[in-house]
C-alpha cells in the first residue's frame, strides 16, 4: 500500500535495537502481539494520541517491501480513526530502516521532519 511505514520509539529502545540488530518493540507492542506502525499521513495523529508529552522519541522509517509478509494492513482495534494501519508481526530488522531521526518535543508538540504530512 505505502512504500514506507513509520514507528516511534524511545531513545533508549532505539539504542538497544542498534546493539541487538533489530527492534523488538515496546511494552504495548508485546501486549498486542505486533509492532505498531503508521503511514506518513497517520504519524502525527498517532504521536498525539499515543506519545503525547514523550520527549525522547525517534522516528523510524522502514521500507515496507523489505518487511515482506510479516507486515499486515489492519484496522486499529477500538479506534475511530479511519484507514488501515501497518502492523509488523516480527521484529523490525535494522536493514529495513531507511531513516532514523530524533523527534523533539517543542511546546508540547512533536516536531517531525518537513516531509511528514
PDB file of N, CA and C in Angstrom:
ATOM      1  N   UNK A   1       0.814  -1.184   0.000  1.00  0.00           N
ATOM      2  CA  UNK A   1       0.000   0.000   0.000  1.00  0.00           C
ATOM      3  C   UNK A   1       0.867   1.261   0.000  1.00  0.00           C
ATOM      4  N   UNK A   2       1.720   1.413   0.974  1.00  0.00           N
ATOM      5  CA  UNK A   2       2.633   2.555   1.082  1.00  0.00           C
ATOM      6  C   UNK A   2       4.055   2.033   0.901  1.00  0.00           C
ATOM      7  N   UNK A   3       4.913   2.884   0.377  1.00  0.00           N
ATOM      8  CA  UNK A   3       6.307   2.480   0.207  1.00  0.00           C
ATOM      9  C   UNK A   3       7.053   2.445   1.534  1.00  0.00           C
ATOM     10  N   UNK A   4       6.732   3.409   2.420  1.00  0.00           N
ATOM     11  CA  UNK A   4       7.410   3.490   3.713  1.00  0.00           C
ATOM     12  C   UNK A   4       6.388   3.469   4.844  1.00  0.00           C
ATOM     13  N   UNK A   5       6.783   2.884   5.971  1.00  0.00           N
ATOM     14  CA  UNK A   5       5.968   2.888   7.179  1.00  0.00           C
ATOM     15  C   UNK A   5       6.838   3.404   8.317  1.00  0.00           C
ATOM     16  N   UNK A   6       6.181   3.893   9.366  1.00  0.00           N
ATOM     17  CA  UNK A   6       6.881   4.623  10.430  1.00  0.00           C
ATOM     18  C   UNK A   6       6.469   4.109  11.801  1.00  0.00           C
ATOM     19  N   UNK A   7       7.435   4.103  12.707  1.00  0.00           N
ATOM     20  CA  UNK A   7       7.137   3.809  14.092  1.00  0.00           C
ATOM     21  C   UNK A   7       7.912   4.787  14.965  1.00  0.00           C
ATOM     22  N   UNK A   8       7.390   5.047  16.145  1.00  0.00           N
ATOM     23  CA  UNK A   8       8.020   5.952  17.100  1.00  0.00           C
ATOM     24  C   UNK A   8       8.557   5.139  18.266  1.00  0.00           C
ATOM     25  N   UNK A   9       9.826   5.318  18.560  1.00  0.00           N
ATOM     26  CA  UNK A   9      10.469   4.558  19.638  1.00  0.00           C
ATOM     27  C   UNK A   9      11.181   5.512  20.584  1.00  0.00           C
ATOM     28  N   UNK A  10      11.271   5.108  21.824  1.00  0.00           N
ATOM     29  CA  UNK A  10      12.022   5.891  22.801  1.00  0.00           C
ATOM     30  C   UNK A  10      13.516   5.733  22.527  1.00  0.00           C
ATOM     31  N   UNK A  11      14.271   6.756  22.875  1.00  0.00           N
ATOM     32  CA  UNK A  11      15.702   6.778  22.580  1.00  0.00           C
ATOM     33  C   UNK A  11      16.426   5.545  23.143  1.00  0.00           C
ATOM     34  N   UNK A  12      16.126   5.163  24.368  1.00  0.00           N
ATOM     35  CA  UNK A  12      16.799   4.002  24.970  1.00  0.00           C
ATOM     36  C   UNK A  12      16.473   2.723  24.207  1.00  0.00           C
ATOM     37  N   UNK A  13      15.235   2.593  23.735  1.00  0.00           N
ATOM     38  CA  UNK A  13      14.850   1.406  22.961  1.00  0.00           C
ATOM     39  C   UNK A  13      15.550   1.382  21.611  1.00  0.00           C
ATOM     40  N   UNK A  14      15.745   2.569  21.001  1.00  0.00           N
ATOM     41  CA  UNK A  14      16.457   2.637  19.730  1.00  0.00           C
ATOM     42  C   UNK A  14      17.921   2.253  19.934  1.00  0.00           C
ATOM     43  N   UNK A  15      18.532   2.714  21.009  1.00  0.00           N
ATOM     44  CA  UNK A  15      19.923   2.347  21.294  1.00  0.00           C
ATOM     45  C   UNK A  15      20.052   0.834  21.519  1.00  0.00           C
ATOM     46  N   UNK A  16      19.087   0.254  22.218  1.00  0.00           N
ATOM     47  CA  UNK A  16      19.095  -1.201  22.439  1.00  0.00           C
ATOM     48  C   UNK A  16      18.929  -1.942  21.114  1.00  0.00           C
ATOM     49  N   UNK A  17      18.085  -1.425  20.230  1.00  0.00           N
ATOM     50  CA  UNK A  17      17.884  -2.055  18.920  1.00  0.00           C
ATOM     51  C   UNK A  17      19.165  -2.001  18.099  1.00  0.00           C
ATOM     52  N   UNK A  18      19.878  -0.879  18.149  1.00  0.00           N
ATOM     53  CA  UNK A  18      21.140  -0.763  17.420  1.00  0.00           C
ATOM     54  C   UNK A  18      22.143  -1.811  17.912  1.00  0.00           C
ATOM     55  N   UNK A  19      22.164  -2.043  19.206  1.00  0.00           N
ATOM     56  CA  UNK A  19      23.077  -3.035  19.767  1.00  0.00           C
ATOM     57  C   UNK A  19      22.654  -4.461  19.411  1.00  0.00           C
ATOM     58  N   UNK A  20      21.340  -4.698  19.343  1.00  0.00           N
ATOM     59  CA  UNK A  20      20.810  -6.047  19.094  1.00  0.00           C
ATOM     60  C   UNK A  20      20.692  -6.380  17.607  1.00  0.00           C
ATOM     61  N   UNK A  21      20.649  -5.349  16.753  1.00  0.00           N
ATOM     62  CA  UNK A  21      20.491  -5.598  15.325  1.00  0.00           C
ATOM     63  C   UNK A  21      19.050  -5.673  14.868  1.00  0.00           C
ATOM     64  N   UNK A  22      18.115  -5.441  15.803  1.00  0.00           N
ATOM     65  CA  UNK A  22      16.686  -5.448  15.460  1.00  0.00           C
ATOM     66  C   UNK A  22      15.917  -4.743  16.570  1.00  0.00           C
ATOM     67  N   UNK A  23      14.741  -4.245  16.198  1.00  0.00           N
ATOM     68  CA  UNK A  23      13.856  -3.617  17.176  1.00  0.00           C
ATOM     69  C   UNK A  23      12.724  -4.577  17.467  1.00  0.00           C
ATOM     70  N   UNK A  24      12.572  -4.919  18.732  1.00  0.00           N
ATOM     71  CA  UNK A  24      11.576  -5.914  19.127  1.00  0.00           C
ATOM     72  C   UNK A  24      10.290  -5.286  19.643  1.00  0.00           C
ATOM     73  N   UNK A  25      10.245  -3.966  19.768  1.00  0.00           N
ATOM     74  CA  UNK A  25       9.007  -3.303  20.140  1.00  0.00           C
ATOM     75  C   UNK A  25       8.945  -2.852  21.577  1.00  0.00           C
ATOM     76  N   UNK A  26       7.867  -2.120  21.851  1.00  0.00           N
ATOM     77  CA  UNK A  26       7.599  -1.576  23.181  1.00  0.00           C
ATOM     78  C   UNK A  26       6.753  -2.550  23.988  1.00  0.00           C
ATOM     79  N   UNK A  27       6.448  -2.182  25.211  1.00  0.00           N
ATOM     80  CA  UNK A  27       5.550  -2.999  26.034  1.00  0.00           C
ATOM     81  C   UNK A  27       4.165  -3.079  25.387  1.00  0.00           C
ATOM     82  N   UNK A  28       3.723  -1.988  24.760  1.00  0.00           N
ATOM     83  CA  UNK A  28       2.431  -2.011  24.054  1.00  0.00           C
ATOM     84  C   UNK A  28       2.468  -2.988  22.894  1.00  0.00           C
ATOM     85  N   UNK A  29       3.573  -3.000  22.163  1.00  0.00           N
ATOM     86  CA  UNK A  29       3.714  -3.938  21.049  1.00  0.00           C
ATOM     87  C   UNK A  29       3.668  -5.384  21.554  1.00  0.00           C
ATOM     88  N   UNK A  30       4.392  -5.657  22.633  1.00  0.00           N
ATOM     89  CA  UNK A  30       4.408  -7.015  23.200  1.00  0.00           C
ATOM     90  C   UNK A  30       3.008  -7.432  23.634  1.00  0.00           C
ATOM     91  N   UNK A  31       2.283  -6.514  24.253  1.00  0.00           N
ATOM     92  CA  UNK A  31       0.914  -6.801  24.688  1.00  0.00           C
ATOM     93  C   UNK A  31       0.010  -7.148  23.510  1.00  0.00           C
ATOM     94  N   UNK A  32       0.158  -6.397  22.417  1.00  0.00           N
ATOM     95  CA  UNK A  32      -0.730  -6.583  21.270  1.00  0.00           C
ATOM     96  C   UNK A  32      -0.270  -7.660  20.301  1.00  0.00           C
ATOM     97  N   UNK A  33       0.974  -8.097  20.412  1.00  0.00           N
ATOM     98  CA  UNK A  33       1.461  -9.180  19.568  1.00  0.00           C
ATOM     99  C   UNK A  33       1.996  -8.748  18.214  1.00  0.00           C
ATOM    100  N   UNK A  34       2.211  -7.453  18.039  1.00  0.00           N
ATOM    101  CA  UNK A  34       2.786  -6.932  16.788  1.00  0.00           C
ATOM    102  C   UNK A  34       3.372  -5.557  17.056  1.00  0.00           C
ATOM    103  N   UNK A  35       4.224  -5.092  16.143  1.00  0.00           N
ATOM    104  CA  UNK A  35       4.784  -3.753  16.231  1.00  0.00           C
ATOM    105  C   UNK A  35       3.844  -2.790  15.525  1.00  0.00           C
ATOM    106  N   UNK A  36       3.510  -1.708  16.198  1.00  0.00           N
ATOM    107  CA  UNK A  36       2.604  -0.695  15.653  1.00  0.00           C
ATOM    108  C   UNK A  36       3.367   0.248  14.729  1.00  0.00           C
ATOM    109  N   UNK A  37       2.866   0.418  13.535  1.00  0.00           N
ATOM    110  CA  UNK A  37       3.421   1.365  12.572  1.00  0.00           C
ATOM    111  C   UNK A  37       2.303   2.284  12.113  1.00  0.00           C
ATOM    112  N   UNK A  38       2.693   3.346  11.429  1.00  0.00           N
ATOM    113  CA  UNK A  38       1.760   4.302  10.836  1.00  0.00           C
ATOM    114  C   UNK A  38       2.258   4.650   9.442  1.00  0.00           C
ATOM    115  N   UNK A  39       1.375   5.189   8.641  1.00  0.00           N
ATOM    116  CA  UNK A  39       1.793   5.803   7.388  1.00  0.00           C
ATOM    117  C   UNK A  39       2.263   7.218   7.720  1.00  0.00           C
ATOM    118  N   UNK A  40       2.865   7.884   6.754  1.00  0.00           N
ATOM    119  CA  UNK A  40       3.282   9.269   6.971  1.00  0.00           C
ATOM    120  C   UNK A  40       2.082  10.138   7.314  1.00  0.00           C
ATOM    121  N   UNK A  41       0.947   9.879   6.665  1.00  0.00           N
ATOM    122  CA  UNK A  41      -0.260  10.678   6.909  1.00  0.00           C
ATOM    123  C   UNK A  41      -0.871  10.416   8.288  1.00  0.00           C
ATOM    124  N   UNK A  42      -0.600   9.267   8.882  1.00  0.00           N
ATOM    125  CA  UNK A  42      -1.159   8.903  10.186  1.00  0.00           C
ATOM    126  C   UNK A  42      -0.238   9.246  11.348  1.00  0.00           C
ATOM    127  N   UNK A  43       1.024   9.543  11.058  1.00  0.00           N
ATOM    128  CA  UNK A  43       2.044   9.603  12.100  1.00  0.00           C
ATOM    129  C   UNK A  43       1.814  10.705  13.135  1.00  0.00           C
ATOM    130  N   UNK A  44       1.463  11.898  12.712  1.00  0.00           N
ATOM    131  CA  UNK A  44       1.260  12.989  13.666  1.00  0.00           C
ATOM    132  C   UNK A  44       0.111  12.681  14.634  1.00  0.00           C
ATOM    133  N   UNK A  45      -0.990  12.150  14.125  1.00  0.00           N
ATOM    134  CA  UNK A  45      -2.123  11.807  14.992  1.00  0.00           C
ATOM    135  C   UNK A  45      -1.754  10.673  15.939  1.00  0.00           C
ATOM    136  N   UNK A  46      -0.967   9.718  15.454  1.00  0.00           N
ATOM    137  CA  UNK A  46      -0.512   8.626  16.311  1.00  0.00           C
ATOM    138  C   UNK A  46       0.339   9.171  17.451  1.00  0.00           C
ATOM    139  N   UNK A  47       1.257  10.077  17.135  1.00  0.00           N
ATOM    140  CA  UNK A  47       2.114  10.668  18.173  1.00  0.00           C
ATOM    141  C   UNK A  47       1.277  11.418  19.199  1.00  0.00           C
ATOM    142  N   UNK A  48       0.313  12.192  18.724  1.00  0.00           N
ATOM    143  CA  UNK A  48      -0.526  12.974  19.635  1.00  0.00           C
ATOM    144  C   UNK A  48      -1.354  12.081  20.543  1.00  0.00           C
ATOM    145  N   UNK A  49      -1.813  10.965  20.021  1.00  0.00           N
ATOM    146  CA  UNK A  49      -2.678  10.076  20.809  1.00  0.00           C
ATOM    147  C   UNK A  49      -1.890   9.158  21.741  1.00  0.00           C
ATOM    148  N   UNK A  50      -0.789   8.587  21.236  1.00  0.00           N
ATOM    149  CA  UNK A  50      -0.096   7.538  21.989  1.00  0.00           C
ATOM    150  C   UNK A  50       1.244   7.956  22.596  1.00  0.00           C
ATOM    151  N   UNK A  51       1.806   9.086  22.158  1.00  0.00           N
ATOM    152  CA  UNK A  51       3.117   9.511  22.662  1.00  0.00           C
ATOM    153  C   UNK A  51       3.116  10.962  23.127  1.00  0.00           C
ATOM    154  N   UNK A  52       1.945  11.481  23.479  1.00  0.00           N
ATOM    155  CA  UNK A  52       1.838  12.871  23.934  1.00  0.00           C
ATOM    156  C   UNK A  52       2.773  13.109  25.119  1.00  0.00           C
ATOM    157  N   UNK A  53       3.561  14.165  25.035  1.00  0.00           N
ATOM    158  CA  UNK A  53       4.440  14.538  26.131  1.00  0.00           C
ATOM    159  C   UNK A  53       5.734  13.752  26.227  1.00  0.00           C
ATOM    160  N   UNK A  54       5.941  12.770  25.368  1.00  0.00           N
ATOM    161  CA  UNK A  54       7.167  11.966  25.409  1.00  0.00           C
ATOM    162  C   UNK A  54       8.261  12.728  24.653  1.00  0.00           C
ATOM    163  N   UNK A  55       9.332  13.063  25.373  1.00  0.00           N
ATOM    164  CA  UNK A  55      10.349  13.950  24.808  1.00  0.00           C
ATOM    165  C   UNK A  55      11.500  13.223  24.116  1.00  0.00           C
ATOM    166  N   UNK A  56      11.661  11.953  24.332  1.00  0.00           N
ATOM    167  CA  UNK A  56      12.863  11.272  23.822  1.00  0.00           C
ATOM    168  C   UNK A  56      12.550  10.309  22.675  1.00  0.00           C
ATOM    169  N   UNK A  57      11.715  10.754  21.746  1.00  0.00           N
ATOM    170  CA  UNK A  57      11.292   9.865  20.657  1.00  0.00           C
ATOM    171  C   UNK A  57      12.209   9.924  19.441  1.00  0.00           C
ATOM    172  N   UNK A  58      12.263   8.803  18.766  1.00  0.00           N
ATOM    173  CA  UNK A  58      12.898   8.690  17.460  1.00  0.00           C
ATOM    174  C   UNK A  58      11.851   8.173  16.486  1.00  0.00           C
ATOM    175  N   UNK A  59      11.868   8.695  15.286  1.00  0.00           N
ATOM    176  CA  UNK A  59      11.015   8.209  14.199  1.00  0.00           C
ATOM    177  C   UNK A  59      11.851   7.269  13.349  1.00  0.00           C
ATOM    178  N   UNK A  60      11.350   6.042  13.206  1.00  0.00           N
ATOM    179  CA  UNK A  60      11.997   5.079  12.320  1.00  0.00           C
ATOM    180  C   UNK A  60      11.158   4.963  11.060  1.00  0.00           C
ATOM    181  N   UNK A  61      11.786   5.132   9.928  1.00  0.00           N
ATOM    182  CA  UNK A  61      11.141   4.977   8.630  1.00  0.00           C
ATOM    183  C   UNK A  61      11.648   3.672   8.042  1.00  0.00           C
ATOM    184  N   UNK A  62      10.734   2.767   7.726  1.00  0.00           N
ATOM    185  CA  UNK A  62      11.117   1.456   7.219  1.00  0.00           C
ATOM    186  C   UNK A  62      10.564   1.236   5.814  1.00  0.00           C
ATOM    187  N   UNK A  63      11.307   0.530   5.017  1.00  0.00           N
ATOM    188  CA  UNK A  63      10.889   0.150   3.666  1.00  0.00           C
ATOM    189  C   UNK A  63       9.862  -0.973   3.801  1.00  0.00           C
ATOM    190  N   UNK A  64       8.626  -0.696   3.444  1.00  0.00           N
ATOM    191  CA  UNK A  64       7.546  -1.676   3.618  1.00  0.00           C
ATOM    192  C   UNK A  64       7.821  -2.961   2.853  1.00  0.00           C
ATOM    193  N   UNK A  65       8.372  -2.872   1.654  1.00  0.00           N
ATOM    194  CA  UNK A  65       8.636  -4.071   0.856  1.00  0.00           C
ATOM    195  C   UNK A  65       9.655  -4.977   1.534  1.00  0.00           C
ATOM    196  N   UNK A  66      10.610  -4.393   2.251  1.00  0.00           N
ATOM    197  CA  UNK A  66      11.639  -5.187   2.932  1.00  0.00           C
ATOM    198  C   UNK A  66      11.074  -5.976   4.106  1.00  0.00           C
ATOM    199  N   UNK A  67       9.872  -5.611   4.566  1.00  0.00           N
ATOM    200  CA  UNK A  67       9.268  -6.305   5.713  1.00  0.00           C
ATOM    201  C   UNK A  67       8.479  -7.542   5.300  1.00  0.00           C
ATOM    202  N   UNK A  68       8.188  -7.661   4.017  1.00  0.00           N
ATOM    203  CA  UNK A  68       7.553  -8.867   3.487  1.00  0.00           C
ATOM    204  C   UNK A  68       6.177  -9.136   4.068  1.00  0.00           C
ATOM    205  N   UNK A  69       5.853 -10.418   4.128  1.00  0.00           N
ATOM    206  CA  UNK A  69       4.525 -10.863   4.559  1.00  0.00           C
ATOM    207  C   UNK A  69       4.258 -10.616   6.036  1.00  0.00           C
ATOM    208  N   UNK A  70       5.291 -10.314   6.808  1.00  0.00           N
ATOM    209  CA  UNK A  70       5.095 -10.035   8.242  1.00  0.00           C
ATOM    210  C   UNK A  70       4.396  -8.696   8.464  1.00  0.00           C
ATOM    211  N   UNK A  71       4.365  -7.840   7.425  1.00  0.00           N
ATOM    212  CA  UNK A  71       3.676  -6.555   7.514  1.00  0.00           C
ATOM    213  C   UNK A  71       2.251  -6.733   7.012  1.00  0.00           C
ATOM    214  N   UNK A  72       1.300  -6.424   7.876  1.00  0.00           N
ATOM    215  CA  UNK A  72      -0.120  -6.564   7.522  1.00  0.00           C
ATOM    216  C   UNK A  72      -0.819  -5.231   7.731  1.00  0.00           C
ATOM    217  N   UNK A  73      -1.797  -4.937   6.872  1.00  0.00           N
ATOM    218  CA  UNK A  73      -2.574  -3.703   6.945  1.00  0.00           C
ATOM    219  C   UNK A  73      -3.908  -4.032   7.575  1.00  0.00           C
ATOM    220  N   UNK A  74      -4.159  -3.452   8.758  1.00  0.00           N
ATOM    221  CA  UNK A  74      -5.338  -3.807   9.537  1.00  0.00           C
ATOM    222  C   UNK A  74      -5.980  -2.572  10.157  1.00  0.00           C
ATOM    223  N   UNK A  75      -7.261  -2.674  10.441  1.00  0.00           N
ATOM    224  CA  UNK A  75      -7.942  -1.621  11.188  1.00  0.00           C
ATOM    225  C   UNK A  75      -7.413  -1.634  12.614  1.00  0.00           C
ATOM    226  N   UNK A  76      -7.278  -0.452  13.188  1.00  0.00           N
ATOM    227  CA  UNK A  76      -6.847  -0.373  14.583  1.00  0.00           C
ATOM    228  C   UNK A  76      -8.010  -0.784  15.471  1.00  0.00           C
ATOM    229  N   UNK A  77      -7.769  -1.705  16.358  1.00  0.00           N
ATOM    230  CA  UNK A  77      -8.838  -2.200  17.210  1.00  0.00           C
ATOM    231  C   UNK A  77      -9.332  -1.109  18.152  1.00  0.00           C
ATOM    232  N   UNK A  78     -10.636  -0.955  18.211  1.00  0.00           N
ATOM    233  CA  UNK A  78     -11.258   0.012  19.096  1.00  0.00           C
ATOM    234  C   UNK A  78     -11.005   1.460  18.717  1.00  0.00           C
ATOM    235  N   UNK A  79     -10.584   1.701  17.489  1.00  0.00           N
ATOM    236  CA  UNK A  79     -10.258   3.067  17.081  1.00  0.00           C
ATOM    237  C   UNK A  79     -11.329   3.641  16.180  1.00  0.00           C
ATOM    238  N   UNK A  80     -11.559   4.929  16.338  1.00  0.00           N
ATOM    239  CA  UNK A  80     -12.479   5.624  15.446  1.00  0.00           C
ATOM    240  C   UNK A  80     -11.718   6.249  14.279  1.00  0.00           C
ATOM    241  N   UNK A  81     -10.387   6.118  14.281  1.00  0.00           N
ATOM    242  CA  UNK A  81      -9.586   6.694  13.199  1.00  0.00           C
ATOM    243  C   UNK A  81      -9.756   5.851  11.937  1.00  0.00           C
ATOM    244  N   UNK A  82     -10.028   6.522  10.816  1.00  0.00           N
ATOM    245  CA  UNK A  82     -10.254   5.788   9.567  1.00  0.00           C
ATOM    246  C   UNK A  82      -8.959   5.243   8.990  1.00  0.00           C
ATOM    247  N   UNK A  83      -9.101   4.267   8.124  1.00  0.00           N
ATOM    248  CA  UNK A  83      -7.964   3.729   7.401  1.00  0.00           C
ATOM    249  C   UNK A  83      -7.358   2.516   8.056  1.00  0.00           C
ATOM    250  N   UNK A  84      -6.495   1.891   7.307  1.00  0.00           N
ATOM    251  CA  UNK A  84      -5.776   0.720   7.786  1.00  0.00           C
ATOM    252  C   UNK A  84      -4.411   1.146   8.295  1.00  0.00           C
ATOM    253  N   UNK A  85      -3.941   0.438   9.302  1.00  0.00           N
ATOM    254  CA  UNK A  85      -2.641   0.726   9.890  1.00  0.00           C
ATOM    255  C   UNK A  85      -1.700  -0.441   9.625  1.00  0.00           C
ATOM    256  N   UNK A  86      -0.427  -0.154   9.382  1.00  0.00           N
ATOM    257  CA  UNK A  86       0.551  -1.223   9.198  1.00  0.00           C
ATOM    258  C   UNK A  86       0.958  -1.818  10.548  1.00  0.00           C
ATOM    259  N   UNK A  87       0.876  -3.122  10.636  1.00  0.00           N
ATOM    260  CA  UNK A  87       1.281  -3.858  11.835  1.00  0.00           C
ATOM    261  C   UNK A  87       2.328  -4.883  11.415  1.00  0.00           C
ATOM    262  N   UNK A  88       3.422  -4.943  12.140  1.00  0.00           N
ATOM    263  CA  UNK A  88       4.510  -5.871  11.819  1.00  0.00           C
ATOM    264  C   UNK A  88       4.514  -7.018  12.817  1.00  0.00           C
ATOM    265  N   UNK A  89       4.323  -8.217  12.313  1.00  0.00           N
ATOM    266  CA  UNK A  89       4.267  -9.417  13.150  1.00  0.00           C
ATOM    267  C   UNK A  89       5.626 -10.115  13.184  1.00  0.00           C
ATOM    268  N   UNK A  90       6.652  -9.359  13.447  1.00  0.00           N
ATOM    269  CA  UNK A  90       8.028  -9.848  13.555  1.00  0.00           C
ATOM    270  C   UNK A  90       8.864  -8.700  14.091  1.00  0.00           C
ATOM    271  N   UNK A  91      10.060  -8.979  14.579  1.00  0.00           N
ATOM    272  CA  UNK A  91      10.945  -7.872  14.939  1.00  0.00           C
ATOM    273  C   UNK A  91      11.288  -7.053  13.690  1.00  0.00           C
ATOM    274  N   UNK A  92      11.590  -5.787  13.881  1.00  0.00           N
ATOM    275  CA  UNK A  92      11.981  -4.911  12.787  1.00  0.00           C
ATOM    276  C   UNK A  92      13.480  -5.064  12.549  1.00  0.00           C
ATOM    277  N   UNK A  93      13.865  -5.621  11.390  1.00  0.00           N
ATOM    278  CA  UNK A  93      15.303  -5.727  11.109  1.00  0.00           C
ATOM    279  C   UNK A  93      15.877  -4.347  10.784  1.00  0.00           C
ATOM    280  N   UNK A  94      17.043  -4.047  11.314  1.00  0.00           N
ATOM    281  CA  UNK A  94      17.628  -2.734  11.081  1.00  0.00           C
ATOM    282  C   UNK A  94      17.918  -2.500   9.603  1.00  0.00           C
ATOM    283  N   UNK A  95      18.111  -3.558   8.844  1.00  0.00           N
ATOM    284  CA  UNK A  95      18.357  -3.412   7.413  1.00  0.00           C
ATOM    285  C   UNK A  95      17.165  -2.793   6.687  1.00  0.00           C
ATOM    286  N   UNK A  96      15.970  -2.892   7.261  1.00  0.00           N
ATOM    287  CA  UNK A  96      14.768  -2.317   6.643  1.00  0.00           C
ATOM    288  C   UNK A  96      14.583  -0.850   7.002  1.00  0.00           C
ATOM    289  N   UNK A  97      15.334  -0.350   7.979  1.00  0.00           N
ATOM    290  CA  UNK A  97      15.211   1.046   8.412  1.00  0.00           C
ATOM    291  C   UNK A  97      16.016   1.926   7.460  1.00  0.00           C
ATOM    292  N   UNK A  98      15.312   2.817   6.768  1.00  0.00           N
ATOM    293  CA  UNK A  98      15.979   3.698   5.809  1.00  0.00           C
ATOM    294  C   UNK A  98      16.291   5.066   6.405  1.00  0.00           C
ATOM    295  N   UNK A  99      15.655   5.396   7.522  1.00  0.00           N
ATOM    296  CA  UNK A  99      15.916   6.675   8.180  1.00  0.00           C
ATOM    297  C   UNK A  99      15.519   6.561   9.639  1.00  0.00           C
ATOM    298  N   UNK A 100      16.332   7.133  10.502  1.00  0.00           N
ATOM    299  CA  UNK A 100      16.032   7.232  11.935  1.00  0.00           C
ATOM    300  C   UNK A 100      16.400   8.647  12.361  1.00  0.00           C
ATOM    301  N   UNK A 101      15.403   9.387  12.852  1.00  0.00           N
ATOM    302  CA  UNK A 101      15.648  10.767  13.256  1.00  0.00           C
ATOM    303  C   UNK A 101      14.974  11.048  14.593  1.00  0.00           C
ATOM    304  N   UNK A 102      15.640  11.872  15.390  1.00  0.00           N
ATOM    305  CA  UNK A 102      15.050  12.304  16.648  1.00  0.00           C
ATOM    306  C   UNK A 102      13.853  13.194  16.344  1.00  0.00           C
ATOM    307  N   UNK A 103      12.827  13.073  17.187  1.00  0.00           N
ATOM    308  CA  UNK A 103      11.613  13.881  17.052  1.00  0.00           C
ATOM    309  C   UNK A 103      11.491  14.705  18.334  1.00  0.00           C
ATOM    310  N   UNK A 104      12.019  15.924  18.310  1.00  0.00           N
ATOM    311  CA  UNK A 104      11.984  16.736  19.535  1.00  0.00           C
ATOM    312  C   UNK A 104      10.569  17.170  19.895  1.00  0.00           C
ATOM    313  N   UNK A 105      10.383  17.392  21.169  1.00  0.00           N
ATOM    314  CA  UNK A 105       9.118  17.898  21.692  1.00  0.00           C
ATOM    315  C   UNK A 105       9.302  19.389  21.935  1.00  0.00           C
ATOM    316  N   UNK A 106       8.551  20.204  21.189  1.00  0.00           N
ATOM    317  CA  UNK A 106       8.679  21.658  21.291  1.00  0.00           C
ATOM    318  C   UNK A 106       7.324  22.251  21.616  1.00  0.00           C
ATOM    319  N   UNK A 107       7.224  22.870  22.775  1.00  0.00           N
ATOM    320  CA  UNK A 107       5.952  23.458  23.174  1.00  0.00           C
ATOM    321  C   UNK A 107       4.845  22.427  23.298  1.00  0.00           C
ATOM    322  N   UNK A 108       5.221  21.218  23.671  1.00  0.00           N
ATOM    323  CA  UNK A 108       4.242  20.149  23.844  1.00  0.00           C
ATOM    324  C   UNK A 108       3.854  19.431  22.569  1.00  0.00           C
ATOM    325  N   UNK A 109       4.467  19.812  21.431  1.00  0.00           N
ATOM    326  CA  UNK A 109       4.140  19.203  20.143  1.00  0.00           C
ATOM    327  C   UNK A 109       5.400  18.587  19.550  1.00  0.00           C
ATOM    328  N   UNK A 110       5.289  17.370  19.004  1.00  0.00           N
ATOM    329  CA  UNK A 110       6.433  16.728  18.369  1.00  0.00           C
ATOM    330  C   UNK A 110       6.736  17.412  17.041  1.00  0.00           C
ATOM    331  N   UNK A 111       8.007  17.670  16.814  1.00  0.00           N
ATOM    332  CA  UNK A 111       8.455  18.305  15.572  1.00  0.00           C
ATOM    333  C   UNK A 111       9.025  17.235  14.651  1.00  0.00           C
ATOM    334  N   UNK A 112       8.272  16.939  13.606  1.00  0.00           N
ATOM    335  CA  UNK A 112       8.657  15.921  12.631  1.00  0.00           C
ATOM    336  C   UNK A 112       9.429  16.550  11.471  1.00  0.00           C
ATOM    337  N   UNK A 113      10.154  15.745  10.728  1.00  0.00           N
ATOM    338  CA  UNK A 113      10.788  16.268   9.511  1.00  0.00           C
ATOM    339  C   UNK A 113       9.732  16.874   8.579  1.00  0.00           C
ATOM    340  N   UNK A 114      10.152  17.832   7.784  1.00  0.00           N
ATOM    341  CA  UNK A 114       9.216  18.571   6.926  1.00  0.00           C
ATOM    342  C   UNK A 114       8.469  17.694   5.933  1.00  0.00           C
ATOM    343  N   UNK A 115       9.029  16.556   5.547  1.00  0.00           N
ATOM    344  CA  UNK A 115       8.354  15.718   4.556  1.00  0.00           C
ATOM    345  C   UNK A 115       7.256  14.831   5.152  1.00  0.00           C
ATOM    346  N   UNK A 116       7.050  14.883   6.466  1.00  0.00           N
ATOM    347  CA  UNK A 116       5.966  14.131   7.090  1.00  0.00           C
ATOM    348  C   UNK A 116       4.738  15.026   7.122  1.00  0.00           C
ATOM    349  N   UNK A 117       3.684  14.576   6.455  1.00  0.00           N
ATOM    350  CA  UNK A 117       2.472  15.405   6.271  1.00  0.00           C
ATOM    351  C   UNK A 117       1.911  15.896   7.588  1.00  0.00           C
TER     352      UNK A 117
END
